[in-house]
Amino acid sequence: MKKTIGFIVFLTAVSTALAAADGAALYAKCKGCHGTDGSKKALGVSEVIKGQPAKDIEADLIAYQAGTGGGSKKAVMKAQVAKMTPEEIKALADYISKLK
């Protein structure tokens, strides 16, 4: 019985770790427009995202997802974040905020 409970706890911990959103992996699809370190103006018009506060980035991503935020290129960003979970958005925002 103890082995079974231990095994269940182990599997839960492993699956939770695997399911956790990885900001660096999520940022991979952003690099083409924002640059490897977030210092590029996407499509020549966006703000540089590197180092912005995580809460601001998260709010922007949520607004893009809802279709309520962004300028002339908001359709591009809406498509990029459309299927992201709140946890993924938070992880991505945190990762971007720490880019140097």
Protein backbone atom coordinates (compact mmCIF):
# COMPACT_ATOMS: atom_id res chain seq x y z
CA MET A 1 0.00 0.00 0.00
CA LYS A 2 2.79 2.42 0.89
CA LYS A 3 4.50 1.67 -2.42
CA THR A 4 1.29 2.39 -4.31
CA ILE A 5 0.78 5.73 -2.55
CA GLY A 6 4.42 6.65 -3.08
CA PHE A 7 4.16 5.79 -6.76
CA ILE A 8 0.99 7.90 -7.13
CA VAL A 9 2.69 10.85 -5.42
CA PHE A 10 5.70 10.43 -7.71
CA LEU A 11 3.55 10.32 -10.86
CA THR A 12 1.60 13.38 -9.74
CA ALA A 13 4.81 15.33 -9.15
CA VAL A 14 6.24 14.31 -12.53
CA SER A 15 3.06 15.13 -14.44
CA THR A 16 2.76 18.49 -12.67
CA ALA A 17 6.34 19.36 -13.56
CA LEU A 18 5.81 18.37 -17.17
CA ALA A 19 2.57 20.30 -17.39
CA ALA A 20 4.06 23.48 -15.94
CA ALA A 21 4.31 26.19 -18.54
CA ASP A 22 7.85 26.88 -19.75
CA GLY A 23 8.27 30.56 -20.59
CA ALA A 24 11.48 29.98 -22.57
CA ALA A 25 9.83 27.33 -24.73
CA LEU A 26 6.77 29.51 -25.25
CA TYR A 27 8.97 32.46 -26.26
CA ALA A 28 10.45 30.43 -29.13
CA LYS A 29 7.55 31.41 -31.40
CA CYS A 30 8.03 35.09 -30.47
CA LYS A 31 11.69 35.33 -31.50
CA GLY A 32 10.99 35.79 -35.19
CA CYS A 33 9.29 39.13 -34.62
CA HIS A 34 10.61 40.30 -31.23
CA GLY A 35 14.19 39.01 -31.50
CA THR A 36 15.99 36.46 -29.37
CA ASP A 37 16.21 38.88 -26.44
CA GLY A 38 13.00 40.89 -26.95
CA SER A 39 14.86 44.00 -28.09
CA LYS A 40 13.41 44.15 -31.61
CA LYS A 41 10.33 46.17 -32.58
CA ALA A 42 8.02 43.53 -34.04
CA LEU A 43 7.10 44.32 -37.64
CA GLY A 44 8.86 47.62 -37.07
CA VAL A 45 5.96 49.06 -35.08
CA SER A 46 5.66 47.44 -31.65
CA GLU A 47 7.26 48.51 -28.43
CA VAL A 48 10.37 46.67 -27.33
CA ILE A 49 9.10 44.03 -24.93
CA LYS A 50 12.41 43.22 -23.27
CA GLY A 51 12.35 43.95 -19.56
CA GLN A 52 8.78 45.22 -19.35
CA PRO A 53 7.05 44.35 -16.06
CA ALA A 54 5.49 40.88 -16.10
CA LYS A 55 2.10 42.21 -14.99
CA ASP A 56 2.02 44.63 -17.94
CA ILE A 57 3.03 41.94 -20.44
CA GLU A 58 0.46 39.55 -19.00
CA ALA A 59 -2.27 42.19 -19.26
CA ASP A 60 -1.29 42.92 -22.87
CA LEU A 61 -1.33 39.23 -23.81
CA ILE A 62 -4.74 38.76 -22.20
CA ALA A 63 -6.04 41.79 -24.08
CA TYR A 64 -4.68 40.43 -27.37
CA GLN A 65 -6.32 37.10 -26.66
CA ALA A 66 -9.65 38.80 -25.98
CA GLY A 67 -9.29 40.97 -29.08
CA THR A 68 -9.47 44.15 -27.04
CA GLY A 69 -5.84 45.22 -27.13
CA GLY A 70 -3.24 46.18 -29.65
CA GLY A 71 -2.81 48.48 -32.56
CA SER A 72 -2.80 47.90 -36.28
CA LYS A 73 -1.09 44.51 -36.00
CA LYS A 74 -3.28 43.09 -33.24
CA ALA A 75 -4.59 40.29 -35.46
CA VAL A 76 -1.07 38.83 -35.61
CA MET A 77 -0.79 38.76 -31.82
CA LYS A 78 -4.34 37.51 -31.31
CA ALA A 79 -3.51 34.49 -33.44
CA GLN A 80 -0.29 33.88 -31.50
CA VAL A 81 -1.97 33.82 -28.08
CA ALA A 82 -5.38 32.45 -29.03
CA LYS A 83 -4.87 28.97 -27.56
CA MET A 84 -2.63 29.87 -24.63
CA THR A 85 -3.79 29.01 -21.13
CA PRO A 86 -3.65 31.56 -18.31
CA GLU A 87 -0.69 29.64 -16.88
CA GLU A 88 1.16 29.83 -20.20
CA ILE A 89 0.48 33.55 -20.49
CA LYS A 90 1.78 34.11 -16.97
CA ALA A 91 4.92 32.01 -17.64
CA LEU A 92 5.61 33.79 -20.93
CA ALA A 93 5.13 37.22 -19.34
CA ASP A 94 7.46 36.31 -16.50
CA TYR A 95 10.10 35.05 -18.94
CA ILE A 96 9.92 38.17 -21.13
CA SER A 97 10.17 40.46 -18.11
CA LYS A 98 13.51 38.87 -17.22
CA LEU A 99 15.10 39.17 -20.67
CA LYS A 100 18.30 41.20 -20.60
